[in-house]
Amino acid sequence: MRSYAIAAVVTGLPPALEVYEDTSEVLGVAWALGALTVFAAMFSVTHGRKGAETGRVAALRDEGLAAGEYTLTDYKVFLPEDRPKSSPEREESPLLLRTTNLGLQHWHEDTLRWSHSWATVHLTVEDELLLIHQEGQLIGRFWVFVPFSTTDEILLAADRLKRHRPRR
């Protein structure tokens, strides 16, 4: 963010100076093109790096799938105390809950925290929080961001996948 502020000052200063000083039009066009080039380069480097990191993490998560397992949906989740107050679609979360045809996975960035089959997990919703139990123990408590839906979508999917487990 700081680099964008510096770029704004660098790009905005020459036109402001031209108001007070009589300079040739060629210099003004050169400043404008140069400023645009600098801003575009900064933007592409910043967001290009972020895109490459996103691709790397997605590839690592896909490597964590077992043979014959495939991803159904990835959900952005937050710990209850980290729940965003507004605009959850804009908030970044390092946590991810992945539903697959064989089970449920919890990821923290590129690290798999746990993975359990649908037969061993039980999901419930309490006060907008998704509770995940395994063998009677609470193993996860998350606020799930589900755009255009509710956490009931996850409960319905889990129930259906438990009843129709793929044969091995």
C-alpha atoms as a PDB file:
ATOM      1  CA  MET A   1       0.000   0.000   0.000  1.00  0.00           C
ATOM      2  CA  ARG A   2       2.874   2.325   0.808  1.00  0.00           C
ATOM      3  CA  SER A   3       4.436   1.736  -2.609  1.00  0.00           C
ATOM      4  CA  TYR A   4       1.170   2.793  -4.261  1.00  0.00           C
ATOM      5  CA  ALA A   5       1.196   6.057  -2.287  1.00  0.00           C
ATOM      6  CA  ILE A   6       4.767   6.760  -3.419  1.00  0.00           C
ATOM      7  CA  ALA A   7       3.788   5.970  -7.016  1.00  0.00           C
ATOM      8  CA  ALA A   8       0.832   8.349  -6.753  1.00  0.00           C
ATOM      9  CA  VAL A   9       3.093  11.172  -5.577  1.00  0.00           C
ATOM     10  CA  VAL A  10       5.645  10.467  -8.308  1.00  0.00           C
ATOM     11  CA  THR A  11       2.955  10.337 -10.996  1.00  0.00           C
ATOM     12  CA  GLY A  12       1.016  13.322  -9.704  1.00  0.00           C
ATOM     13  CA  LEU A  13       3.919  15.693  -9.073  1.00  0.00           C
ATOM     14  CA  PRO A  14       4.967  16.418 -12.699  1.00  0.00           C
ATOM     15  CA  PRO A  15       1.494  17.484 -13.910  1.00  0.00           C
ATOM     16  CA  ALA A  16       1.139  19.680 -10.822  1.00  0.00           C
ATOM     17  CA  LEU A  17       4.479  21.335 -11.585  1.00  0.00           C
ATOM     18  CA  GLU A  18       3.420  21.943 -15.178  1.00  0.00           C
ATOM     19  CA  VAL A  19       0.616  24.174 -13.979  1.00  0.00           C
ATOM     20  CA  TYR A  20       3.156  26.538 -12.420  1.00  0.00           C
ATOM     21  CA  GLU A  21       5.972  26.180 -14.963  1.00  0.00           C
ATOM     22  CA  ASP A  22       5.770  26.462 -18.688  1.00  0.00           C
ATOM     23  CA  THR A  23       7.263  23.211 -19.999  1.00  0.00           C
ATOM     24  CA  SER A  24       7.048  21.668 -23.393  1.00  0.00           C
ATOM     25  CA  GLU A  25       4.209  19.304 -24.233  1.00  0.00           C
ATOM     26  CA  VAL A  26       6.697  16.566 -25.049  1.00  0.00           C
ATOM     27  CA  LEU A  27       7.963  16.544 -21.462  1.00  0.00           C
ATOM     28  CA  GLY A  28       4.394  16.345 -20.168  1.00  0.00           C
ATOM     29  CA  VAL A  29       3.570  13.371 -22.380  1.00  0.00           C
ATOM     30  CA  ALA A  30       6.832  11.658 -21.404  1.00  0.00           C
ATOM     31  CA  TRP A  31       6.023  12.124 -17.701  1.00  0.00           C
ATOM     32  CA  ALA A  32       2.530  10.744 -18.184  1.00  0.00           C
ATOM     33  CA  LEU A  33       3.726   7.685 -20.101  1.00  0.00           C
ATOM     34  CA  GLY A  34       6.582   7.096 -17.676  1.00  0.00           C
ATOM     35  CA  ALA A  35       4.290   7.408 -14.679  1.00  0.00           C
ATOM     36  CA  LEU A  36       1.783   5.033 -16.228  1.00  0.00           C
ATOM     37  CA  THR A  37       4.546   2.519 -16.970  1.00  0.00           C
ATOM     38  CA  VAL A  38       5.890   2.684 -13.388  1.00  0.00           C
ATOM     39  CA  PHE A  39       2.425   2.251 -11.894  1.00  0.00           C
ATOM     40  CA  ALA A  40       1.606  -0.677 -14.214  1.00  0.00           C
ATOM     41  CA  ALA A  41       4.915  -2.388 -13.396  1.00  0.00           C
ATOM     42  CA  MET A  42       4.348  -2.036  -9.638  1.00  0.00           C
ATOM     43  CA  PHE A  43       0.803  -3.336  -9.934  1.00  0.00           C
ATOM     44  CA  SER A  44       1.799  -6.349 -12.034  1.00  0.00           C
ATOM     45  CA  VAL A  45       4.697  -7.322  -9.769  1.00  0.00           C
ATOM     46  CA  THR A  46       2.590  -7.061  -6.614  1.00  0.00           C
ATOM     47  CA  HIS A  47      -0.405  -8.948  -7.938  1.00  0.00           C
ATOM     48  CA  GLY A  48       1.630 -11.358 -10.041  1.00  0.00           C
ATOM     49  CA  ARG A  49       3.444 -12.528  -6.920  1.00  0.00           C
ATOM     50  CA  LYS A  50       0.153 -12.939  -5.076  1.00  0.00           C
ATOM     51  CA  GLY A  51      -1.311 -14.962  -7.960  1.00  0.00           C
ATOM     52  CA  ALA A  52       1.724 -17.228  -8.080  1.00  0.00           C
ATOM     53  CA  GLU A  53       1.439 -17.864  -4.325  1.00  0.00           C
ATOM     54  CA  THR A  54      -2.261 -18.682  -4.673  1.00  0.00           C
ATOM     55  CA  GLY A  55      -1.477 -21.174  -7.433  1.00  0.00           C
ATOM     56  CA  ARG A  56       1.295 -22.789  -5.369  1.00  0.00           C
ATOM     57  CA  VAL A  57      -1.014 -23.262  -2.359  1.00  0.00           C
ATOM     58  CA  ALA A  58      -3.804 -24.689  -4.558  1.00  0.00           C
ATOM     59  CA  ALA A  59      -1.364 -27.195  -6.077  1.00  0.00           C
ATOM     60  CA  LEU A  60      -0.187 -28.305  -2.614  1.00  0.00           C
ATOM     61  CA  ARG A  61      -3.786 -28.774  -1.499  1.00  0.00           C
ATOM     62  CA  ASP A  62      -4.546 -30.854  -4.570  1.00  0.00           C
ATOM     63  CA  GLU A  63      -1.514 -33.057  -3.838  1.00  0.00           C
ATOM     64  CA  GLY A  64      -3.109 -33.821  -0.456  1.00  0.00           C
ATOM     65  CA  LEU A  65      -5.980 -35.671  -2.120  1.00  0.00           C
ATOM     66  CA  ALA A  66      -5.973 -39.459  -1.986  1.00  0.00           C
ATOM     67  CA  ALA A  67      -6.256 -41.631  -5.089  1.00  0.00           C
ATOM     68  CA  GLY A  68      -9.808 -41.346  -6.455  1.00  0.00           C
ATOM     69  CA  GLU A  69     -10.591 -38.386  -4.215  1.00  0.00           C
ATOM     70  CA  TYR A  70     -11.703 -35.090  -5.713  1.00  0.00           C
ATOM     71  CA  THR A  71     -12.688 -31.704  -4.352  1.00  0.00           C
ATOM     72  CA  LEU A  72     -16.365 -30.811  -4.158  1.00  0.00           C
ATOM     73  CA  THR A  73     -16.150 -27.336  -2.613  1.00  0.00           C
ATOM     74  CA  ASP A  74     -13.718 -25.152  -0.696  1.00  0.00           C
ATOM     75  CA  TYR A  75     -15.138 -22.918   2.038  1.00  0.00           C
ATOM     76  CA  LYS A  76     -13.410 -19.897   3.512  1.00  0.00           C
ATOM     77  CA  VAL A  77     -13.728 -20.262   7.281  1.00  0.00           C
ATOM     78  CA  PHE A  78     -12.918 -18.056  10.244  1.00  0.00           C
ATOM     79  CA  LEU A  79     -12.407 -18.841  13.895  1.00  0.00           C
ATOM     80  CA  PRO A  80     -15.366 -17.485  15.902  1.00  0.00           C
ATOM     81  CA  GLU A  81     -13.237 -14.731  17.447  1.00  0.00           C
ATOM     82  CA  ASP A  82     -11.868 -13.705  14.014  1.00  0.00           C
ATOM     83  CA  ARG A  83     -15.256 -13.464  12.320  1.00  0.00           C
ATOM     84  CA  PRO A  84     -15.350 -10.394  10.065  1.00  0.00           C
ATOM     85  CA  LYS A  85     -17.763  -7.681  11.146  1.00  0.00           C
ATOM     86  CA  SER A  86     -18.678  -6.703   7.591  1.00  0.00           C
ATOM     87  CA  SER A  87     -17.871  -7.726   4.019  1.00  0.00           C
ATOM     88  CA  PRO A  88     -16.585 -11.280   4.668  1.00  0.00           C
ATOM     89  CA  GLU A  89     -16.100 -11.735   0.916  1.00  0.00           C
ATOM     90  CA  ARG A  90     -13.329  -9.140   1.065  1.00  0.00           C
ATOM     91  CA  GLU A  91     -11.637 -10.554   4.155  1.00  0.00           C
ATOM     92  CA  GLU A  92      -8.680 -12.893   3.797  1.00  0.00           C
ATOM     93  CA  SER A  93      -8.559 -16.027   5.891  1.00  0.00           C
ATOM     94  CA  PRO A  94      -5.694 -18.511   6.026  1.00  0.00           C
ATOM     95  CA  LEU A  95      -8.197 -21.215   7.006  1.00  0.00           C
ATOM     96  CA  LEU A  96     -10.047 -23.397   4.526  1.00  0.00           C
ATOM     97  CA  LEU A  97     -12.545 -26.204   4.925  1.00  0.00           C
ATOM     98  CA  ARG A  98     -12.519 -28.523   1.917  1.00  0.00           C
ATOM     99  CA  THR A  99     -15.249 -31.020   1.217  1.00  0.00           C
ATOM    100  CA  THR A 100     -14.286 -33.967  -0.973  1.00  0.00           C
ATOM    101  CA  ASN A 101     -16.129 -37.037  -2.147  1.00  0.00           C
ATOM    102  CA  LEU A 102     -14.395 -39.051   0.613  1.00  0.00           C
ATOM    103  CA  GLY A 103     -14.309 -36.659   3.558  1.00  0.00           C
ATOM    104  CA  LEU A 104     -13.609 -33.308   5.104  1.00  0.00           C
ATOM    105  CA  GLN A 105     -10.232 -31.525   5.254  1.00  0.00           C
ATOM    106  CA  HIS A 106      -9.106 -28.546   7.306  1.00  0.00           C
ATOM    107  CA  TRP A 107      -6.269 -26.451   5.853  1.00  0.00           C
ATOM    108  CA  HIS A 108      -4.244 -23.578   7.283  1.00  0.00           C
ATOM    109  CA  GLU A 109      -2.692 -21.919   4.228  1.00  0.00           C
ATOM    110  CA  ASP A 110      -0.658 -24.767   2.689  1.00  0.00           C
ATOM    111  CA  THR A 111      -0.665 -27.056   5.751  1.00  0.00           C
ATOM    112  CA  LEU A 112      -3.210 -29.848   6.127  1.00  0.00           C
ATOM    113  CA  ARG A 113      -4.368 -29.754   9.764  1.00  0.00           C
ATOM    114  CA  TRP A 114      -6.603 -32.804   9.582  1.00  0.00           C
ATOM    115  CA  SER A 115      -8.563 -34.972   7.195  1.00  0.00           C
ATOM    116  CA  HIS A 116     -11.417 -37.274   8.216  1.00  0.00           C
ATOM    117  CA  SER A 117     -13.782 -39.507   6.272  1.00  0.00           C
ATOM    118  CA  TRP A 118     -17.484 -38.723   6.181  1.00  0.00           C
ATOM    119  CA  ALA A 119     -18.194 -41.867   8.209  1.00  0.00           C
ATOM    120  CA  THR A 120     -16.222 -40.558  11.195  1.00  0.00           C
ATOM    121  CA  VAL A 121     -17.379 -36.918  11.369  1.00  0.00           C
ATOM    122  CA  HIS A 122     -20.629 -35.420  12.605  1.00  0.00           C
ATOM    123  CA  LEU A 123     -21.536 -31.826  11.705  1.00  0.00           C
ATOM    124  CA  THR A 124     -23.936 -29.506  13.508  1.00  0.00           C
ATOM    125  CA  VAL A 125     -24.706 -25.797  13.431  1.00  0.00           C
ATOM    126  CA  GLU A 126     -24.982 -23.717  16.597  1.00  0.00           C
ATOM    127  CA  ASP A 127     -25.446 -19.921  16.522  1.00  0.00           C
ATOM    128  CA  GLU A 128     -24.144 -19.635  12.941  1.00  0.00           C
ATOM    129  CA  LEU A 129     -21.054 -21.693  13.826  1.00  0.00           C
ATOM    130  CA  LEU A 130     -20.260 -25.016  12.211  1.00  0.00           C
ATOM    131  CA  LEU A 131     -19.278 -27.599  14.821  1.00  0.00           C
ATOM    132  CA  ILE A 132     -17.331 -30.641  13.669  1.00  0.00           C
ATOM    133  CA  HIS A 133     -17.223 -33.698  15.926  1.00  0.00           C
ATOM    134  CA  GLN A 134     -15.291 -36.916  15.588  1.00  0.00           C
ATOM    135  CA  GLU A 135     -15.928 -39.801  17.983  1.00  0.00           C
ATOM    136  CA  GLY A 136     -17.749 -37.462  20.363  1.00  0.00           C
ATOM    137  CA  GLN A 137     -14.885 -34.929  20.500  1.00  0.00           C
ATOM    138  CA  LEU A 138     -15.163 -31.405  19.104  1.00  0.00           C
ATOM    139  CA  ILE A 139     -12.389 -31.041  16.509  1.00  0.00           C
ATOM    140  CA  GLY A 140     -13.493 -27.839  14.779  1.00  0.00           C
ATOM    141  CA  ARG A 141     -15.582 -24.750  15.459  1.00  0.00           C
ATOM    142  CA  PHE A 142     -15.792 -22.338  12.544  1.00  0.00           C
ATOM    143  CA  TRP A 143     -17.780 -19.468  11.114  1.00  0.00           C
ATOM    144  CA  VAL A 144     -18.155 -20.434   7.466  1.00  0.00           C
ATOM    145  CA  PHE A 145     -18.473 -17.893   4.682  1.00  0.00           C
ATOM    146  CA  VAL A 146     -20.914 -19.402   2.202  1.00  0.00           C
ATOM    147  CA  PRO A 147     -21.836 -16.880  -0.503  1.00  0.00           C
ATOM    148  CA  PHE A 148     -25.476 -17.041  -1.636  1.00  0.00           C
ATOM    149  CA  SER A 149     -26.265 -19.894   0.763  1.00  0.00           C
ATOM    150  CA  THR A 150     -26.077 -21.009   4.390  1.00  0.00           C
ATOM    151  CA  THR A 151     -24.138 -23.548   6.419  1.00  0.00           C
ATOM    152  CA  ASP A 152     -27.090 -25.906   5.903  1.00  0.00           C
ATOM    153  CA  GLU A 153     -25.584 -26.589   2.477  1.00  0.00           C
ATOM    154  CA  ILE A 154     -22.606 -28.242   4.183  1.00  0.00           C
ATOM    155  CA  LEU A 155     -24.867 -30.247   6.509  1.00  0.00           C
ATOM    156  CA  LEU A 156     -26.957 -31.525   3.598  1.00  0.00           C
ATOM    157  CA  ALA A 157     -23.862 -32.473   1.597  1.00  0.00           C
ATOM    158  CA  ALA A 158     -22.339 -34.263   4.585  1.00  0.00           C
ATOM    159  CA  ASP A 159     -25.545 -36.188   5.228  1.00  0.00           C
ATOM    160  CA  ARG A 160     -25.824 -37.260   1.601  1.00  0.00           C
ATOM    161  CA  LEU A 161     -22.166 -38.267   1.341  1.00  0.00           C
ATOM    162  CA  LYS A 162     -22.418 -40.326   4.540  1.00  0.00           C
ATOM    163  CA  ARG A 163     -25.373 -42.264   3.106  1.00  0.00           C
ATOM    164  CA  HIS A 164     -23.851 -42.718  -0.364  1.00  0.00           C
ATOM    165  CA  ARG A 165     -20.218 -43.420   0.323  1.00  0.00           C
ATOM    166  CA  PRO A 166     -18.288 -44.586  -2.715  1.00  0.00           C
ATOM    167  CA  ARG A 167     -17.344 -48.247  -2.714  1.00  0.00           C
ATOM    168  CA  ARG A 168     -13.651 -49.046  -2.702  1.00  0.00           C
END
